[in-house]
C-alpha atoms as a PDB file:
ATOM      1  CA  MET A   1       0.021  -0.023  -0.001  1.00  0.00           C
ATOM      2  CA  ARG A   2       1.337   3.399  -0.988  1.00  0.00           C
ATOM      3  CA  THR A   3       1.529   6.132   1.822  1.00  0.00           C
ATOM      4  CA  ALA A   4      -0.538   9.324   1.418  1.00  0.00           C
ATOM      5  CA  VAL A   5       2.680  11.167   0.864  1.00  0.00           C
ATOM      6  CA  THR A   6       3.501   8.992  -2.150  1.00  0.00           C
ATOM      7  CA  ALA A   7       0.083   9.267  -3.667  1.00  0.00           C
ATOM      8  CA  ALA A   8       0.280  13.093  -3.283  1.00  0.00           C
ATOM      9  CA  GLN A   9       3.711  13.168  -4.905  1.00  0.00           C
ATOM     10  CA  ASP A  10       2.361  11.112  -7.792  1.00  0.00           C
ATOM     11  CA  SER A  11      -0.480  13.556  -8.325  1.00  0.00           C
ATOM     12  CA  ALA A  12       1.662  16.587  -8.250  1.00  0.00           C
ATOM     13  CA  GLU A  13       1.682  19.004 -11.210  1.00  0.00           C
ATOM     14  CA  GLU A  14       4.520  21.462 -11.918  1.00  0.00           C
ATOM     15  CA  ARG A  15       3.685  24.723 -13.745  1.00  0.00           C
ATOM     16  CA  GLY A  16       6.295  26.935 -15.233  1.00  0.00           C
ATOM     17  CA  LEU A  17       5.309  30.711 -15.073  1.00  0.00           C
ATOM     18  CA  VAL A  18       6.733  34.068 -16.147  1.00  0.00           C
ATOM     19  CA  PHE A  19       6.087  37.291 -14.391  1.00  0.00           C
ATOM     20  CA  GLU A  20       7.582  40.586 -15.569  1.00  0.00           C
ATOM     21  CA  GLY A  21      10.175  38.550 -17.460  1.00  0.00           C
ATOM     22  CA  PHE A  22      11.206  36.386 -14.542  1.00  0.00           C
ATOM     23  CA  ALA A  23      10.596  32.575 -14.809  1.00  0.00           C
ATOM     24  CA  TYR A  24       9.313  30.759 -11.703  1.00  0.00           C
ATOM     25  CA  THR A  25       7.701  27.434 -10.904  1.00  0.00           C
ATOM     26  CA  CYS A  26       4.788  26.277  -8.745  1.00  0.00           C
ATOM     27  CA  ARG A  27       3.721  22.992  -7.487  1.00  0.00           C
ATOM     28  CA  ILE A  28       0.083  21.862  -7.287  1.00  0.00           C
ATOM     29  CA  VAL A  29      -1.159  18.507  -5.476  1.00  0.00           C
ATOM     30  CA  ARG A  30      -4.756  18.339  -6.325  1.00  0.00           C
ATOM     31  CA  GLN A  31      -7.682  17.084  -4.175  1.00  0.00           C
ATOM     32  CA  ASN A  32     -10.676  16.027  -6.136  1.00  0.00           C
ATOM     33  CA  ALA A  33     -12.996  16.066  -3.098  1.00  0.00           C
ATOM     34  CA  PRO A  34     -11.772  18.978  -1.144  1.00  0.00           C
ATOM     35  CA  GLN A  35     -13.112  19.884   2.283  1.00  0.00           C
ATOM     36  CA  THR A  36     -11.947  23.624   1.889  1.00  0.00           C
ATOM     37  CA  HIS A  37     -10.305  26.007  -0.478  1.00  0.00           C
ATOM     38  CA  PRO A  38      -6.908  25.249  -1.885  1.00  0.00           C
ATOM     39  CA  LEU A  39      -4.140  25.877   0.724  1.00  0.00           C
ATOM     40  CA  LEU A  40      -1.352  28.101  -0.608  1.00  0.00           C
ATOM     41  CA  LEU A  41       1.844  27.398   1.415  1.00  0.00           C
ATOM     42  CA  LEU A  42       4.528  30.251   1.339  1.00  0.00           C
ATOM     43  CA  GLY A  43       7.521  28.999   3.252  1.00  0.00           C
ATOM     44  CA  GLY A  44      10.731  30.644   4.538  1.00  0.00           C
ATOM     45  CA  SER A  45      13.573  32.120   2.338  1.00  0.00           C
ATOM     46  CA  SER A  46      15.474  28.949   2.515  1.00  0.00           C
ATOM     47  CA  GLN A  47      12.545  26.556   1.783  1.00  0.00           C
ATOM     48  CA  ASN A  48      11.392  25.693  -1.730  1.00  0.00           C
ATOM     49  CA  ARG A  49       8.420  24.258  -3.233  1.00  0.00           C
ATOM     50  CA  TYR A  50       9.282  20.661  -2.153  1.00  0.00           C
ATOM     51  CA  SER A  51       9.746  21.712   1.503  1.00  0.00           C
ATOM     52  CA  TRP A  52       6.219  20.730   2.449  1.00  0.00           C
ATOM     53  CA  GLN A  53       6.061  17.253   1.034  1.00  0.00           C
ATOM     54  CA  SER A  54       6.490  15.851   4.654  1.00  0.00           C
ATOM     55  CA  HIS A  55       3.287  17.550   5.590  1.00  0.00           C
ATOM     56  CA  GLU A  56       1.221  16.458   2.579  1.00  0.00           C
ATOM     57  CA  LYS A  57      -0.010  13.162   4.107  1.00  0.00           C
ATOM     58  CA  TRP A  58      -1.835  15.256   6.707  1.00  0.00           C
ATOM     59  CA  LEU A  59      -2.923  18.197   4.524  1.00  0.00           C
ATOM     60  CA  ALA A  60      -3.441  16.726   1.039  1.00  0.00           C
ATOM     61  CA  PRO A  61      -6.502  14.789   2.072  1.00  0.00           C
ATOM     62  CA  LEU A  62      -8.141  18.005   3.014  1.00  0.00           C
ATOM     63  CA  CYS A  63      -7.707  20.124  -0.027  1.00  0.00           C
ATOM     64  CA  THR A  64      -5.583  21.080  -3.031  1.00  0.00           C
ATOM     65  CA  LEU A  65      -1.993  22.210  -2.046  1.00  0.00           C
ATOM     66  CA  ILE A  66      -0.061  24.916  -3.800  1.00  0.00           C
ATOM     67  CA  THR A  67       3.765  25.658  -3.236  1.00  0.00           C
ATOM     68  CA  VAL A  68       5.911  27.850  -5.254  1.00  0.00           C
ATOM     69  CA  ASP A  69       9.557  28.943  -5.865  1.00  0.00           C
ATOM     70  CA  LEU A  70       8.840  32.826  -6.446  1.00  0.00           C
ATOM     71  CA  PRO A  71      11.291  34.690  -8.463  1.00  0.00           C
ATOM     72  CA  GLY A  72      14.503  34.859  -6.667  1.00  0.00           C
ATOM     73  CA  TYR A  73      14.082  31.889  -4.440  1.00  0.00           C
ATOM     74  CA  GLY A  74      14.428  28.019  -4.994  1.00  0.00           C
ATOM     75  CA  GLY A  75      14.887  26.904  -8.576  1.00  0.00           C
ATOM     76  CA  SER A  76      13.368  30.206 -10.078  1.00  0.00           C
ATOM     77  CA  ASP A  77      15.216  32.957 -11.899  1.00  0.00           C
ATOM     78  CA  PHE A  78      17.497  35.183  -9.791  1.00  0.00           C
ATOM     79  CA  LEU A  79      15.763  38.397  -8.719  1.00  0.00           C
ATOM     80  CA  PRO A  80      17.724  41.588  -8.198  1.00  0.00           C
ATOM     81  CA  ALA A  81      17.292  43.185  -4.868  1.00  0.00           C
ATOM     82  CA  ARG A  82      15.710  46.312  -6.371  1.00  0.00           C
ATOM     83  CA  TYR A  83      12.550  44.164  -6.712  1.00  0.00           C
ATOM     84  CA  GLY A  84      10.788  44.324  -3.245  1.00  0.00           C
ATOM     85  CA  ILE A  85       8.019  42.667  -1.461  1.00  0.00           C
ATOM     86  CA  ASP A  86       5.288  44.221  -3.556  1.00  0.00           C
ATOM     87  CA  PHE A  87       6.766  42.563  -6.658  1.00  0.00           C
ATOM     88  CA  LEU A  88       6.849  39.125  -4.906  1.00  0.00           C
ATOM     89  CA  ALA A  89       3.174  39.682  -3.650  1.00  0.00           C
ATOM     90  CA  ASP A  90       2.040  40.579  -7.160  1.00  0.00           C
ATOM     91  CA  ALA A  91       3.720  37.394  -8.442  1.00  0.00           C
ATOM     92  CA  VAL A  92       1.681  35.387  -6.042  1.00  0.00           C
ATOM     93  CA  GLY A  93      -1.299  36.988  -7.430  1.00  0.00           C
ATOM     94  CA  HIS A  94      -0.277  36.230 -11.065  1.00  0.00           C
ATOM     95  CA  MET A  95       0.351  32.645 -10.143  1.00  0.00           C
ATOM     96  CA  LEU A  96      -3.126  32.158  -8.806  1.00  0.00           C
ATOM     97  CA  SER A  97      -4.780  33.914 -11.707  1.00  0.00           C
ATOM     98  CA  ASP A  98      -2.667  31.917 -14.151  1.00  0.00           C
ATOM     99  CA  ILE A  99      -3.616  28.499 -12.614  1.00  0.00           C
ATOM    100  CA  GLY A 100      -7.185  29.427 -12.199  1.00  0.00           C
ATOM    101  CA  VAL A 101      -7.555  29.560  -8.407  1.00  0.00           C
ATOM    102  CA  PRO A 102      -9.897  32.413  -7.426  1.00  0.00           C
ATOM    103  CA  ARG A 103      -9.649  31.919  -3.560  1.00  0.00           C
ATOM    104  CA  VAL A 104      -7.245  30.397  -1.131  1.00  0.00           C
ATOM    105  CA  ASN A 105      -6.517  29.654   2.411  1.00  0.00           C
ATOM    106  CA  LEU A 106      -3.109  31.431   2.945  1.00  0.00           C
ATOM    107  CA  PHE A 107      -0.258  30.060   5.064  1.00  0.00           C
ATOM    108  CA  GLY A 108       2.841  32.015   5.509  1.00  0.00           C
ATOM    109  CA  GLY A 109       5.785  30.875   7.553  1.00  0.00           C
ATOM    110  CA  CYS A 110       8.656  33.168   8.589  1.00  0.00           C
ATOM    111  CA  PHE A 111       9.541  35.105   5.259  1.00  0.00           C
ATOM    112  CA  GLY A 112       6.400  33.558   3.813  1.00  0.00           C
ATOM    113  CA  GLU A 113       4.426  35.590   6.161  1.00  0.00           C
ATOM    114  CA  VAL A 114       6.068  38.759   4.958  1.00  0.00           C
ATOM    115  CA  VAL A 115       5.115  37.974   1.328  1.00  0.00           C
ATOM    116  CA  GLY A 116       1.806  36.458   2.441  1.00  0.00           C
ATOM    117  CA  LEU A 117       0.654  39.566   4.352  1.00  0.00           C
ATOM    118  CA  ARG A 118       1.563  41.957   1.461  1.00  0.00           C
ATOM    119  CA  PHE A 119      -0.254  39.713  -0.866  1.00  0.00           C
ATOM    120  CA  ALA A 120      -3.323  39.735   1.431  1.00  0.00           C
ATOM    121  CA  GLN A 121      -3.082  43.523   1.541  1.00  0.00           C
ATOM    122  CA  ARG A 122      -2.632  44.053  -2.163  1.00  0.00           C
ATOM    123  CA  HIS A 123      -5.058  41.228  -3.446  1.00  0.00           C
ATOM    124  CA  PRO A 124      -7.625  40.681  -0.773  1.00  0.00           C
ATOM    125  CA  GLY A 125     -10.091  39.183  -2.967  1.00  0.00           C
ATOM    126  CA  PHE A 126      -8.011  35.911  -3.049  1.00  0.00           C
ATOM    127  CA  ILE A 127      -8.108  35.389   0.669  1.00  0.00           C
ATOM    128  CA  ARG A 128     -10.514  33.080   2.375  1.00  0.00           C
ATOM    129  CA  ARG A 129      -8.403  32.395   5.553  1.00  0.00           C
ATOM    130  CA  ILE A 130      -4.957  33.430   6.885  1.00  0.00           C
ATOM    131  CA  VAL A 131      -2.452  31.255   8.961  1.00  0.00           C
ATOM    132  CA  PHE A 132       0.933  32.663   9.833  1.00  0.00           C
ATOM    133  CA  ALA A 133       3.733  30.851  11.732  1.00  0.00           C
ATOM    134  CA  GLY A 134       6.983  32.073  13.084  1.00  0.00           C
ATOM    135  CA  ALA A 135       5.862  35.519  12.252  1.00  0.00           C
ATOM    136  CA  ALA A 136       6.262  39.196  13.319  1.00  0.00           C
ATOM    137  CA  GLY A 137       4.975  42.590  12.419  1.00  0.00           C
ATOM    138  CA  ARG A 138       8.643  43.880  12.051  1.00  0.00           C
ATOM    139  CA  LEU A 139      12.069  42.767  11.238  1.00  0.00           C
ATOM    140  CA  PRO A 140      13.481  41.045  14.386  1.00  0.00           C
ATOM    141  CA  GLU A 141      16.615  42.935  15.758  1.00  0.00           C
ATOM    142  CA  LEU A 142      18.359  39.608  15.931  1.00  0.00           C
ATOM    143  CA  TYR A 143      18.022  39.366  12.207  1.00  0.00           C
ATOM    144  CA  THR A 144      18.919  42.911  11.377  1.00  0.00           C
ATOM    145  CA  ASP A 145      22.060  42.729  13.512  1.00  0.00           C
ATOM    146  CA  ALA A 146      23.055  39.331  12.006  1.00  0.00           C
ATOM    147  CA  VAL A 147      22.519  40.105   8.236  1.00  0.00           C
ATOM    148  CA  PRO A 148      25.725  42.107   7.758  1.00  0.00           C
ATOM    149  CA  ARG A 149      27.988  39.522   9.303  1.00  0.00           C
ATOM    150  CA  LEU A 150      26.220  36.562   7.468  1.00  0.00           C
ATOM    151  CA  SER A 151      26.189  38.208   4.154  1.00  0.00           C
ATOM    152  CA  GLN A 152      29.773  39.189   4.311  1.00  0.00           C
ATOM    153  CA  ALA A 153      30.749  35.673   5.371  1.00  0.00           C
ATOM    154  CA  LEU A 154      28.882  34.201   2.401  1.00  0.00           C
ATOM    155  CA  GLU A 155      30.495  36.746   0.087  1.00  0.00           C
ATOM    156  CA  ARG A 156      33.877  35.667   1.363  1.00  0.00           C
ATOM    157  CA  GLY A 157      33.126  32.100   0.838  1.00  0.00           C
ATOM    158  CA  GLU A 158      33.151  31.354   4.605  1.00  0.00           C
ATOM    159  CA  THR A 159      30.218  29.045   4.249  1.00  0.00           C
ATOM    160  CA  GLU A 160      30.800  26.988   7.511  1.00  0.00           C
ATOM    161  CA  LYS A 161      30.814  30.328   9.540  1.00  0.00           C
ATOM    162  CA  ALA A 162      27.692  31.473   7.862  1.00  0.00           C
ATOM    163  CA  ALA A 163      25.919  28.182   8.491  1.00  0.00           C
ATOM    164  CA  ASP A 164      26.821  28.267  12.066  1.00  0.00           C
ATOM    165  CA  GLY A 165      25.537  31.747  12.486  1.00  0.00           C
ATOM    166  CA  LEU A 166      22.203  30.853  10.584  1.00  0.00           C
ATOM    167  CA  VAL A 167      21.618  27.831  12.923  1.00  0.00           C
ATOM    168  CA  ARG A 168      22.079  30.005  15.931  1.00  0.00           C
ATOM    169  CA  LEU A 169      19.834  32.572  14.493  1.00  0.00           C
ATOM    170  CA  PHE A 170      16.860  30.230  13.681  1.00  0.00           C
ATOM    171  CA  MET A 171      17.072  27.853  16.528  1.00  0.00           C
ATOM    172  CA  SER A 172      16.631  28.534  20.212  1.00  0.00           C
ATOM    173  CA  ASN A 173      19.271  28.221  22.921  1.00  0.00           C
ATOM    174  CA  PRO A 174      18.943  24.651  24.254  1.00  0.00           C
ATOM    175  CA  GLU A 175      18.624  26.203  27.760  1.00  0.00           C
ATOM    176  CA  ALA A 176      15.570  28.130  26.783  1.00  0.00           C
ATOM    177  CA  GLY A 177      13.363  25.024  27.215  1.00  0.00           C
ATOM    178  CA  ARG A 178      12.904  21.518  25.752  1.00  0.00           C
ATOM    179  CA  VAL A 179      12.438  21.451  22.024  1.00  0.00           C
ATOM    180  CA  ARG A 180      11.537  18.336  20.221  1.00  0.00           C
ATOM    181  CA  ARG A 181      14.185  17.047  17.716  1.00  0.00           C
ATOM    182  CA  HIS A 182      16.295  20.151  18.579  1.00  0.00           C
ATOM    183  CA  ALA A 183      19.680  18.407  17.924  1.00  0.00           C
ATOM    184  CA  ALA A 184      18.382  16.528  14.824  1.00  0.00           C
ATOM    185  CA  VAL A 185      16.866  19.675  13.257  1.00  0.00           C
ATOM    186  CA  ALA A 186      20.064  21.712  13.983  1.00  0.00           C
ATOM    187  CA  ARG A 187      22.146  19.139  12.086  1.00  0.00           C
ATOM    188  CA  LEU A 188      19.595  19.240   9.285  1.00  0.00           C
ATOM    189  CA  LEU A 189      19.808  22.986   9.070  1.00  0.00           C
ATOM    190  CA  GLN A 190      23.663  23.055   9.239  1.00  0.00           C
ATOM    191  CA  ARG A 191      23.826  20.503   6.487  1.00  0.00           C
ATOM    192  CA  GLN A 192      21.308  22.361   4.339  1.00  0.00           C
ATOM    193  CA  PHE A 193      23.196  25.585   4.531  1.00  0.00           C
ATOM    194  CA  MET A 194      26.602  23.822   3.967  1.00  0.00           C
ATOM    195  CA  GLU A 195      25.302  22.263   0.746  1.00  0.00           C
ATOM    196  CA  GLN A 196      24.051  25.411  -0.837  1.00  0.00           C
ATOM    197  CA  THR A 197      25.054  25.832  -4.396  1.00  0.00           C
ATOM    198  CA  PRO A 198      26.668  29.086  -5.735  1.00  0.00           C
ATOM    199  CA  ASP A 199      23.381  30.079  -7.194  1.00  0.00           C
ATOM    200  CA  GLU A 200      21.569  29.526  -3.846  1.00  0.00           C
ATOM    201  CA  ILE A 201      24.256  31.530  -1.991  1.00  0.00           C
ATOM    202  CA  ARG A 202      23.908  34.299  -4.471  1.00  0.00           C
ATOM    203  CA  LYS A 203      20.023  34.306  -3.928  1.00  0.00           C
ATOM    204  CA  ALA A 204      20.524  34.328  -0.145  1.00  0.00           C
ATOM    205  CA  ILE A 205      22.707  37.367  -0.221  1.00  0.00           C
ATOM    206  CA  GLU A 206      20.302  39.202  -2.463  1.00  0.00           C
ATOM    207  CA  HIS A 207      17.336  38.126  -0.298  1.00  0.00           C
ATOM    208  CA  ASN A 208      19.117  39.757   2.819  1.00  0.00           C
ATOM    209  CA  THR A 209      19.814  42.917   0.782  1.00  0.00           C
ATOM    210  CA  ARG A 210      16.105  42.878  -0.373  1.00  0.00           C
ATOM    211  CA  LEU A 211      14.814  42.884   3.128  1.00  0.00           C
ATOM    212  CA  VAL A 212      17.021  45.463   4.666  1.00  0.00           C
ATOM    213  CA  THR A 213      16.703  47.707   1.590  1.00  0.00           C
ATOM    214  CA  HIS A 214      12.914  47.574   1.198  1.00  0.00           C
ATOM    215  CA  GLY A 215      11.717  46.830   4.694  1.00  0.00           C
ATOM    216  CA  CYS A 216       8.940  44.264   5.120  1.00  0.00           C
ATOM    217  CA  TYR A 217       5.799  45.710   6.733  1.00  0.00           C
ATOM    218  CA  ARG A 218       3.238  48.455   5.670  1.00  0.00           C
ATOM    219  CA  PRO A 219       0.293  49.460   7.652  1.00  0.00           C
ATOM    220  CA  LEU A 220      -2.195  48.696   4.873  1.00  0.00           C
ATOM    221  CA  PRO A 221      -5.589  47.162   5.420  1.00  0.00           C
ATOM    222  CA  VAL A 222      -5.815  43.493   5.859  1.00  0.00           C
ATOM    223  CA  PRO A 223      -9.014  41.556   4.642  1.00  0.00           C
ATOM    224  CA  GLU A 224     -11.373  40.747   7.428  1.00  0.00           C
ATOM    225  CA  VAL A 225     -11.170  36.926   7.287  1.00  0.00           C
ATOM    226  CA  PRO A 226     -10.580  34.324   9.989  1.00  0.00           C
ATOM    227  CA  SER A 227      -6.872  34.339  11.007  1.00  0.00           C
ATOM    228  CA  LEU A 228      -4.484  32.376  13.121  1.00  0.00           C
ATOM    229  CA  VAL A 229      -0.915  33.270  14.207  1.00  0.00           C
ATOM    230  CA  PHE A 230       1.130  30.746  15.945  1.00  0.00           C
ATOM    231  CA  THR A 231       4.856  29.912  16.696  1.00  0.00           C
ATOM    232  CA  GLY A 232       6.963  27.538  19.066  1.00  0.00           C
ATOM    233  CA  GLU A 233       6.799  28.507  22.692  1.00  0.00           C
ATOM    234  CA  TYR A 234      10.440  28.941  22.694  1.00  0.00           C
ATOM    235  CA  ASP A 235      10.884  30.899  19.371  1.00  0.00           C
ATOM    236  CA  THR A 236      13.684  33.453  20.005  1.00  0.00           C
ATOM    237  CA  LEU A 237      13.843  34.913  16.542  1.00  0.00           C
ATOM    238  CA  CYS A 238      10.146  35.896  16.125  1.00  0.00           C
ATOM    239  CA  THR A 239       9.218  35.573  19.714  1.00  0.00           C
ATOM    240  CA  PRO A 240       5.644  34.726  20.821  1.00  0.00           C
ATOM    241  CA  GLN A 241       5.111  38.390  21.865  1.00  0.00           C
ATOM    242  CA  MET A 242       5.986  39.479  18.454  1.00  0.00           C
ATOM    243  CA  GLY A 243       3.485  36.927  17.064  1.00  0.00           C
ATOM    244  CA  ARG A 244       0.828  38.259  19.506  1.00  0.00           C
ATOM    245  CA  GLU A 245       1.532  41.803  18.283  1.00  0.00           C
ATOM    246  CA  LEU A 246       1.100  40.790  14.653  1.00  0.00           C
ATOM    247  CA  ALA A 247      -2.158  38.939  15.534  1.00  0.00           C
ATOM    248  CA  ALA A 248      -3.416  42.061  17.211  1.00  0.00           C
ATOM    249  CA  THR A 249      -3.132  44.062  13.895  1.00  0.00           C
ATOM    250  CA  LEU A 250      -5.294  41.571  12.080  1.00  0.00           C
ATOM    251  CA  PRO A 251      -9.108  42.168  11.842  1.00  0.00           C
ATOM    252  CA  ALA A 252     -10.046  38.758  13.479  1.00  0.00           C
ATOM    253  CA  ALA A 253      -7.139  36.633  14.767  1.00  0.00           C
ATOM    254  CA  LEU A 254      -6.473  33.804  17.179  1.00  0.00           C
ATOM    255  CA  PHE A 255      -2.936  33.466  18.759  1.00  0.00           C
ATOM    256  CA  THR A 256      -1.284  30.358  20.200  1.00  0.00           C
ATOM    257  CA  THR A 257       2.059  28.712  20.691  1.00  0.00           C
ATOM    258  CA  ILE A 258       2.984  25.035  20.028  1.00  0.00           C
ATOM    259  CA  LYS A 259       4.694  23.293  23.002  1.00  0.00           C
ATOM    260  CA  GLU A 260       8.234  21.963  22.863  1.00  0.00           C
ATOM    261  CA  ALA A 261       9.140  23.918  19.715  1.00  0.00           C
ATOM    262  CA  ASP A 262      10.893  27.170  18.538  1.00  0.00           C
ATOM    263  CA  HIS A 263      11.023  29.181  15.328  1.00  0.00           C
ATOM    264  CA  LEU A 264      11.243  25.916  13.251  1.00  0.00           C
ATOM    265  CA  VAL A 265       8.054  24.602  14.768  1.00  0.00           C
ATOM    266  CA  THR A 266       6.767  23.323  11.379  1.00  0.00           C
ATOM    267  CA  VAL A 267      10.002  21.186  11.153  1.00  0.00           C
ATOM    268  CA  GLU A 268      10.199  20.115  14.782  1.00  0.00           C
ATOM    269  CA  ARG A 269       6.479  19.236  15.128  1.00  0.00           C
ATOM    270  CA  ARG A 270       5.319  18.550  11.595  1.00  0.00           C
ATOM    271  CA  GLN A 271       2.188  16.540  12.441  1.00  0.00           C
ATOM    272  CA  GLU A 272       1.154  18.897  15.111  1.00  0.00           C
ATOM    273  CA  SER A 273       1.555  22.074  12.942  1.00  0.00           C
ATOM    274  CA  ALA A 274      -0.114  20.433  10.054  1.00  0.00           C
ATOM    275  CA  ASP A 275      -3.022  19.418  12.217  1.00  0.00           C
ATOM    276  CA  LEU A 276      -3.381  22.861  13.594  1.00  0.00           C
ATOM    277  CA  ILE A 277      -3.293  24.493  10.000  1.00  0.00           C
ATOM    278  CA  GLY A 278      -5.801  21.817   8.726  1.00  0.00           C
ATOM    279  CA  ARG A 279      -8.216  22.238  11.661  1.00  0.00           C
ATOM    280  CA  PHE A 280      -8.213  26.065  11.250  1.00  0.00           C
ATOM    281  CA  CYS A 281      -8.738  25.834   7.456  1.00  0.00           C
ATOM    282  CA  THR A 282     -11.696  23.397   7.837  1.00  0.00           C
ATOM    283  CA  ASP A 283     -13.299  25.311  10.646  1.00  0.00           C
ATOM    284  CA  ARG A 284     -12.685  22.528  13.251  1.00  0.00           C
ATOM    285  CA  PRO A 285     -11.883  23.482  16.926  1.00  0.00           C
ATOM    286  CA  VAL A 286      -8.259  24.746  17.609  1.00  0.00           C
ATOM    287  CA  HIS A 287      -8.873  25.388  21.365  1.00  0.00           C
ATOM    288  CA  ASP A 288      -7.696  22.812  24.083  1.00  0.00           C
ATOM    289  CA  LEU A 289      -5.531  20.965  21.788  1.00  0.00           C
ATOM    290  CA  PRO A 290      -2.871  18.940  23.844  1.00  0.00           C
ATOM    291  CA  TYR A 291       0.107  20.179  21.844  1.00  0.00           C
ATOM    292  CA  CYS A 292      -0.801  23.900  22.181  1.00  0.00           C
ATOM    293  CA  ASN A 293      -0.835  26.397  24.863  1.00  0.00           C
ATOM    294  CA  PRO A 294      -4.028  28.412  25.438  1.00  0.00           C
ATOM    295  CA  VAL A 295      -5.581  30.073  22.456  1.00  0.00           C
ATOM    296  CA  GLU A 296      -5.891  33.836  22.721  1.00  0.00           C
ATOM    297  CA  SER A 297      -8.488  35.776  20.858  1.00  0.00           C
ATOM    298  CA  LEU A 298      -7.184  39.127  19.377  1.00  0.00           C
ATOM    299  CA  ARG A 299      -8.780  41.687  17.212  1.00  0.00           C
ATOM    300  CA  ALA A 300      -7.412  44.887  15.580  1.00  0.00           C
ATOM    301  CA  PRO A 301      -9.343  47.902  16.581  1.00  0.00           C
ATOM    302  CA  ARG A 302     -11.783  48.706  13.744  1.00  0.00           C
ATOM    303  CA  VAL A 303     -10.924  51.988  11.735  1.00  0.00           C
ATOM    304  CA  PRO A 304     -13.932  54.115  11.417  1.00  0.00           C
ATOM    305  CA  ALA A 305     -14.985  55.022   7.847  1.00  0.00           C
ATOM    306  CA  PRO A 306     -14.249  58.662   6.924  1.00  0.00           C
ATOM    307  CA  ALA A 307     -17.166  60.949   7.574  1.00  0.00           C
ATOM    308  CA  ARG A 308     -19.126  62.093   4.448  1.00  0.00           C
ATOM    309  CA  HIS A 309     -19.670  65.799   3.926  1.00  0.00           C
END
């Protein structure tokens, strides 16, 4: 008997796209009897369209899944840093229009939240629900402090030094609290960074330049749809308080943390994070789950409509 992951992989479709002259690729795992709208998964800067295959056995039975290497990331064309977050958000809208998907449940993890939030702000008609993980409403100081050192190390070819710094940046100190698979995920991350190709390193440097040049967040309206923000309880990069603050800017948001996890919660606790995402997107209860701390209800203050004269 084939596993659900194998079946999902067999049904996957790859689509090559071009936006404003830059080629990029999306991956679609179709569900013919969906329980909810397609789920668009936007991952972190070092993830690609295949990074969510390990979650498919829990998510693919629920709905169609869409992942993408946007321009400048994964196997897609290099994107100069002069193209900012608006461009990437518009590329997401271009992709969904091209593949004929009018509405999605949106997931954004880490950098994927930055693009996802801007996409929701610029193209609200596509959005049915929002889920953000390892997210913040501003660039963490840990990141902005580390970027010059990491970029310089990569430019000098000091890959091991840069990899060590990236692991420390993304993962919590072991003394912060018990994190599932902490050592194994640290080794996986170290190996992933060490095995980067010259093209991937070039894109990583440009990514850092893009973020510090353009910034990430704009106080634009967000569609009033059901929203959930979560992270690991020991996330030291985008801390729980940062996630809580982000949730408070959304029109109707819940916030929670997953136990025994840090910033890499979707790797350390794959099944639990997939279950949480799937529950929220299918309107099943997310309160009182054994792997989560208490769920908080947060709501941004409603901005009154301007008076008519």
